[in-house]
Amino acid sequence: MAHAPDTATQRRALADIQQCVSSARKEEEKTNVYQYLGPLDLGLILRRAVTIGDWGIAEHVLAHGGDKISFPTAAMAEAALLCCCREGKPEVAQTILLKLLATNSAPQLSTSPFLSRSTSLSLYTVILRALGKSGHWKGCVELLRHPKLAPFLVIDEACVEAGITACGRQGCVEEAMGLYDDFRSQHQQRLAPFVSASCHNAAIRACARSGSLARAHDIIHDTQQDEVLPSLAAFNVLLLTCGRLGAWDVGSKVLADMKALGVQPNEVR
């Protein structure tokens, strides 16, 4: 259980941590620095490091400070996570989030004291997209599959789209399609309508980029069942891949589907 933060203790710990970062101390010495610090102390030290961009301190705290951290307020936690993403350190944001989840015992984050429900989904979208852009597709999958996050992230279109896109960028089509299939399955089980075709579009692009043309064409049929319309951009990516691979038969089927759906082809270069 986190004790009340002691400013003097934090200052001493911060000085010791800085020495650990700047010198080659033994592993047990790096760990001993944290023995008198609670999760809240670690969170405040971490917040300071993230705010001023001292990533050496931040990474040392996360590597050697134990499995649990906490912040005094939800706003402070959200600010630290967003700062990591803004500064190109989404993997640090992911590690912080996982430690926050380990600290919190609530079954779902909708009742968590460190993230407000009204902003949490948009925050997760930011983290997932930042991880994807930096090539950390495994981090996206880990968060979307986390038992405390999956119950509500798996049906959020923006979050799942970010995960599918991250996997697709790295050519990991099986992982992308696993997220897509789970997303559709959850919506169908809950009889929840699809807001848009954003996840379908991301899945089409992921399949097209990896050359899985038949699966991409199947997703077009999924959109008809789910009563959403694929974007022209998704069709164009698929048609470009058909042309590059010489898959004229699939390309002609895609054009026929576009005509049936009322999507007007444009000139693709």
Protein backbone atom coordinates (compact mmCIF):
# COMPACT_ATOMS: atom_id res chain seq x y z
CA MET A 1 0.00 0.00 0.00
CA ALA A 2 1.42 3.40 -1.00
CA HIS A 3 2.47 5.64 1.88
CA ALA A 4 2.26 9.42 1.89
CA PRO A 5 5.06 10.93 -0.20
CA ASP A 6 8.07 12.28 1.69
CA THR A 7 9.66 15.12 -0.27
CA ALA A 8 13.01 14.81 1.51
CA THR A 9 13.06 11.06 0.86
CA GLN A 10 12.30 11.66 -2.79
CA ARG A 11 15.11 14.21 -3.10
CA ARG A 12 17.62 11.80 -1.57
CA ALA A 13 16.36 8.97 -3.78
CA LEU A 14 16.54 11.15 -6.88
CA ALA A 15 20.16 12.02 -6.13
CA ASP A 16 20.98 8.32 -5.67
CA ILE A 17 19.18 7.40 -8.89
CA GLN A 18 21.09 10.06 -10.81
CA GLN A 19 24.34 8.57 -9.50
CA CYS A 20 23.19 5.11 -10.59
CA VAL A 21 22.39 6.37 -14.09
CA SER A 22 25.69 8.22 -14.46
CA SER A 23 27.92 5.48 -13.03
CA ALA A 24 28.34 1.74 -13.48
CA ARG A 25 26.92 0.54 -10.18
CA LYS A 26 26.26 -3.09 -9.39
CA GLU A 27 22.76 -4.44 -9.99
CA GLU A 28 21.93 -4.83 -6.28
CA GLU A 29 22.98 -1.22 -5.63
CA LYS A 30 20.61 -0.03 -8.34
CA THR A 31 17.75 -1.89 -6.68
CA ASN A 32 18.63 -0.82 -3.11
CA VAL A 33 18.02 2.82 -4.05
CA TYR A 34 14.28 2.08 -4.09
CA GLN A 35 13.88 0.04 -0.90
CA TYR A 36 12.41 2.94 1.13
CA LEU A 37 10.17 4.29 -1.65
CA GLY A 38 6.52 3.45 -2.13
CA PRO A 39 4.51 3.43 -5.41
CA LEU A 40 3.48 7.07 -4.93
CA ASP A 41 7.09 8.21 -4.39
CA LEU A 42 8.09 6.42 -7.58
CA GLY A 43 5.23 8.00 -9.50
CA LEU A 44 6.21 11.51 -8.45
CA ILE A 45 9.88 10.96 -9.29
CA LEU A 46 8.84 9.46 -12.61
CA ARG A 47 6.53 12.37 -13.35
CA ARG A 48 9.37 14.83 -12.77
CA ALA A 49 11.73 12.88 -15.03
CA VAL A 50 9.19 12.62 -17.83
CA THR A 51 8.25 16.30 -17.60
CA ILE A 52 11.84 17.54 -17.96
CA GLY A 53 12.77 14.85 -20.49
CA ASP A 54 15.26 13.00 -18.28
CA TRP A 55 14.65 9.60 -19.88
CA GLY A 56 17.67 8.05 -18.17
CA ILE A 57 16.01 8.59 -14.78
CA ALA A 58 12.60 7.49 -16.09
CA GLU A 59 13.93 4.26 -17.57
CA HIS A 60 15.95 3.52 -14.41
CA VAL A 61 12.87 3.90 -12.21
CA LEU A 62 10.84 1.63 -14.47
CA ALA A 63 13.62 -0.97 -14.73
CA HIS A 64 14.62 -1.15 -11.06
CA GLY A 65 11.82 0.41 -9.01
CA GLY A 66 9.57 -2.63 -8.78
CA ASP A 67 6.31 -3.61 -10.42
CA LYS A 68 4.01 -0.95 -8.95
CA ILE A 69 3.74 2.82 -9.23
CA SER A 70 0.94 5.29 -8.61
CA PHE A 71 0.16 8.99 -9.08
CA PRO A 72 -1.72 11.33 -6.75
CA THR A 73 -4.35 12.19 -9.38
CA ALA A 74 -5.75 10.84 -12.63
CA ALA A 75 -4.76 14.06 -14.39
CA MET A 76 -1.13 13.60 -13.36
CA ALA A 77 -1.07 10.04 -14.67
CA GLU A 78 -2.65 11.04 -17.96
CA ALA A 79 -0.24 13.97 -18.37
CA ALA A 80 2.78 11.71 -17.83
CA LEU A 81 1.53 9.15 -20.37
CA LEU A 82 0.72 11.77 -22.99
CA CYS A 83 4.09 13.48 -22.46
CA CYS A 84 5.88 10.20 -23.22
CA CYS A 85 3.95 9.80 -26.48
CA ARG A 86 4.47 13.44 -27.47
CA GLU A 87 8.23 13.14 -26.92
CA GLY A 88 8.54 9.96 -28.99
CA LYS A 89 8.74 7.56 -26.03
CA PRO A 90 5.53 5.47 -26.36
CA GLU A 91 7.29 2.37 -25.04
CA VAL A 92 7.88 4.26 -21.77
CA ALA A 93 4.18 5.15 -21.68
CA GLN A 94 3.32 1.47 -22.17
CA THR A 95 5.57 0.40 -19.29
CA ILE A 96 4.10 3.06 -17.00
CA LEU A 97 0.58 1.95 -17.90
CA LEU A 98 1.35 -1.72 -17.22
CA LYS A 99 2.77 -0.84 -13.80
CA LEU A 100 -0.30 1.27 -13.04
CA LEU A 101 -2.46 -1.72 -13.92
CA ALA A 102 -0.40 -3.90 -11.59
CA THR A 103 -0.91 -1.37 -8.78
CA ASN A 104 -4.65 -1.03 -9.26
CA SER A 105 -6.86 -3.93 -8.17
CA ALA A 106 -10.06 -2.84 -9.93
CA PRO A 107 -11.28 -5.41 -12.48
CA GLN A 108 -11.79 -2.73 -15.13
CA LEU A 109 -10.27 0.67 -15.68
CA SER A 110 -13.73 2.23 -15.89
CA THR A 111 -13.64 2.23 -12.06
CA SER A 112 -9.94 2.98 -11.75
CA PRO A 113 -8.86 5.92 -9.57
CA PHE A 114 -5.95 6.86 -11.84
CA LEU A 115 -7.70 7.25 -15.19
CA SER A 116 -11.04 8.92 -15.79
CA ARG A 117 -13.48 7.00 -17.98
CA SER A 118 -14.31 10.11 -20.01
CA THR A 119 -10.74 10.50 -21.29
CA SER A 120 -9.26 7.03 -20.99
CA LEU A 121 -10.29 5.69 -24.40
CA SER A 122 -8.86 8.68 -26.24
CA LEU A 123 -5.68 8.36 -24.16
CA TYR A 124 -5.33 4.68 -25.09
CA THR A 125 -5.83 5.56 -28.75
CA VAL A 126 -2.96 8.06 -28.51
CA ILE A 127 -0.69 5.46 -26.88
CA LEU A 128 -1.59 2.72 -29.37
CA ARG A 129 -1.07 4.97 -32.39
CA ALA A 130 2.24 6.22 -31.04
CA LEU A 131 3.40 2.64 -30.46
CA GLY A 132 2.35 1.72 -33.99
CA LYS A 133 4.15 4.64 -35.60
CA SER A 134 7.36 3.72 -33.78
CA GLY A 135 7.11 0.08 -34.88
CA HIS A 136 6.12 -1.38 -31.49
CA TRP A 137 3.24 -3.49 -32.79
CA LYS A 138 3.75 -6.08 -30.06
CA GLY A 139 3.12 -3.39 -27.47
CA CYS A 140 -0.20 -2.59 -29.15
CA VAL A 141 -1.28 -6.22 -29.08
CA GLU A 142 -0.18 -6.60 -25.44
CA LEU A 143 -2.32 -3.65 -24.34
CA LEU A 144 -5.35 -4.67 -26.39
CA ARG A 145 -5.12 -8.21 -24.97
CA HIS A 146 -4.51 -7.14 -21.35
CA PRO A 147 -7.23 -8.68 -19.14
CA LYS A 148 -8.00 -5.34 -17.47
CA LEU A 149 -8.16 -3.43 -20.76
CA ALA A 150 -9.61 -5.91 -23.25
CA PRO A 151 -13.22 -5.82 -21.95
CA PHE A 152 -13.72 -2.30 -23.26
CA LEU A 153 -10.80 -1.65 -25.63
CA VAL A 154 -11.70 -4.61 -27.87
CA ILE A 155 -14.98 -2.92 -28.87
CA ASP A 156 -13.57 0.60 -29.28
CA GLU A 157 -13.11 1.22 -32.99
CA ALA A 158 -10.36 3.81 -32.67
CA CYS A 159 -8.25 1.62 -30.36
CA VAL A 160 -8.67 -1.55 -32.42
CA GLU A 161 -8.00 0.35 -35.66
CA ALA A 162 -4.73 1.63 -34.15
CA GLY A 163 -3.72 -1.94 -33.26
CA ILE A 164 -4.61 -3.37 -36.67
CA THR A 165 -2.75 -0.54 -38.41
CA ALA A 166 0.33 -1.06 -36.21
CA CYS A 167 0.45 -4.77 -37.06
CA GLY A 168 -0.22 -4.11 -40.73
CA ARG A 169 2.64 -1.64 -41.01
CA GLN A 170 5.07 -4.33 -39.88
CA GLY A 171 3.58 -7.03 -42.12
CA CYS A 172 2.13 -8.97 -39.18
CA VAL A 173 -1.13 -9.82 -40.92
CA GLU A 174 -2.09 -12.74 -38.66
CA GLU A 175 -1.94 -10.55 -35.57
CA ALA A 176 -3.85 -7.80 -37.38
CA MET A 177 -6.58 -10.21 -38.43
CA GLY A 178 -6.78 -11.66 -34.93
CA LEU A 179 -7.63 -8.19 -33.59
CA TYR A 180 -10.09 -7.62 -36.44
CA ASP A 181 -11.86 -10.95 -35.90
CA ASP A 182 -12.14 -10.36 -32.14
CA PHE A 183 -13.53 -6.87 -32.76
CA ARG A 184 -16.26 -8.16 -35.09
CA SER A 185 -17.05 -11.10 -32.83
CA GLN A 186 -17.49 -8.88 -29.76
CA HIS A 187 -19.76 -6.49 -31.64
CA GLN A 188 -21.87 -9.33 -32.96
CA GLN A 189 -22.16 -10.96 -29.51
CA ARG A 190 -23.27 -7.69 -27.96
CA LEU A 191 -25.55 -6.81 -30.90
CA ALA A 192 -23.70 -3.48 -31.03
CA PRO A 193 -23.87 -1.57 -34.33
CA PHE A 194 -20.66 -0.64 -36.10
CA VAL A 195 -20.10 3.12 -36.02
CA SER A 196 -17.92 3.13 -39.13
CA ALA A 197 -15.76 0.93 -41.32
CA SER A 198 -12.49 2.17 -39.80
CA CYS A 199 -11.40 -1.25 -38.52
CA HIS A 200 -12.51 -2.93 -41.75
CA ASN A 201 -10.50 -0.38 -43.74
CA ALA A 202 -7.42 -0.97 -41.57
CA ALA A 203 -7.78 -4.74 -42.02
CA ILE A 204 -8.12 -4.38 -45.80
CA ARG A 205 -4.95 -2.27 -45.89
CA ALA A 206 -3.07 -4.74 -43.66
CA CYS A 207 -4.00 -7.67 -45.89
CA ALA A 208 -3.25 -5.77 -49.10
CA ARG A 209 0.21 -4.73 -47.90
CA SER A 210 1.09 -8.33 -47.09
CA GLY A 211 -0.31 -9.66 -50.37
CA SER A 212 -3.24 -11.49 -48.69
CA LEU A 213 -5.60 -10.43 -51.44
CA ALA A 214 -8.26 -13.12 -50.97
CA ARG A 215 -8.63 -12.25 -47.29
CA ALA A 216 -8.83 -8.55 -48.12
CA HIS A 217 -11.60 -9.30 -50.60
CA ASP A 218 -13.44 -11.30 -47.94
CA ILE A 219 -13.38 -8.25 -45.66
CA ILE A 220 -15.26 -6.28 -48.33
CA HIS A 221 -18.02 -8.84 -47.98
CA ASP A 222 -17.83 -8.46 -44.17
CA THR A 223 -18.61 -4.76 -44.56
CA GLN A 224 -21.84 -5.62 -46.37
CA GLN A 225 -22.86 -7.94 -43.54
CA ASP A 226 -21.91 -5.31 -40.95
CA GLU A 227 -23.72 -2.55 -42.88
CA VAL A 228 -20.74 -0.23 -43.26
CA LEU A 229 -19.01 1.06 -46.38
CA PRO A 230 -15.26 0.67 -47.03
CA SER A 231 -13.39 3.85 -47.89
CA LEU A 232 -12.14 4.66 -51.36
CA ALA A 233 -8.62 4.79 -49.91
CA ALA A 234 -8.89 1.17 -48.73
CA PHE A 235 -10.13 0.08 -52.16
CA ASN A 236 -7.24 1.96 -53.80
CA VAL A 237 -4.62 0.24 -51.63
CA LEU A 238 -6.10 -3.12 -52.58
CA LEU A 239 -6.27 -2.28 -56.28
CA LEU A 240 -2.69 -1.02 -56.29
CA THR A 241 -1.53 -4.30 -54.74
CA CYS A 242 -3.54 -6.30 -57.29
CA GLY A 243 -1.81 -4.37 -60.07
CA ARG A 244 1.65 -4.78 -58.53
CA LEU A 245 1.18 -8.54 -58.12
CA GLY A 246 -0.58 -9.02 -61.43
CA ALA A 247 -3.70 -10.35 -59.68
CA TRP A 248 -6.11 -9.15 -62.33
CA ASP A 249 -8.83 -11.62 -61.33
CA VAL A 250 -9.01 -10.26 -57.79
CA GLY A 251 -8.77 -6.71 -59.10
CA SER A 252 -11.78 -7.23 -61.38
CA LYS A 253 -13.79 -8.62 -58.43
CA VAL A 254 -12.89 -5.58 -56.35
CA LEU A 255 -14.02 -3.25 -59.12
CA ALA A 256 -17.28 -5.18 -59.38
CA ASP A 257 -17.78 -4.84 -55.61
CA MET A 258 -17.11 -1.10 -55.80
CA LYS A 259 -19.76 -0.75 -58.52
CA ALA A 260 -22.26 -2.78 -56.49
CA LEU A 261 -21.61 -0.62 -53.40
CA GLY A 262 -21.85 2.62 -55.33
CA VAL A 263 -18.21 3.57 -54.80
CA GLN A 264 -16.85 5.47 -57.80
CA PRO A 265 -13.29 4.41 -58.71
CA ASN A 266 -10.76 7.18 -59.32
CA GLU A 267 -7.44 7.15 -61.13
CA VAL A 268 -4.87 5.35 -59.00
CA ARG A 269 -1.20 6.08 -59.69
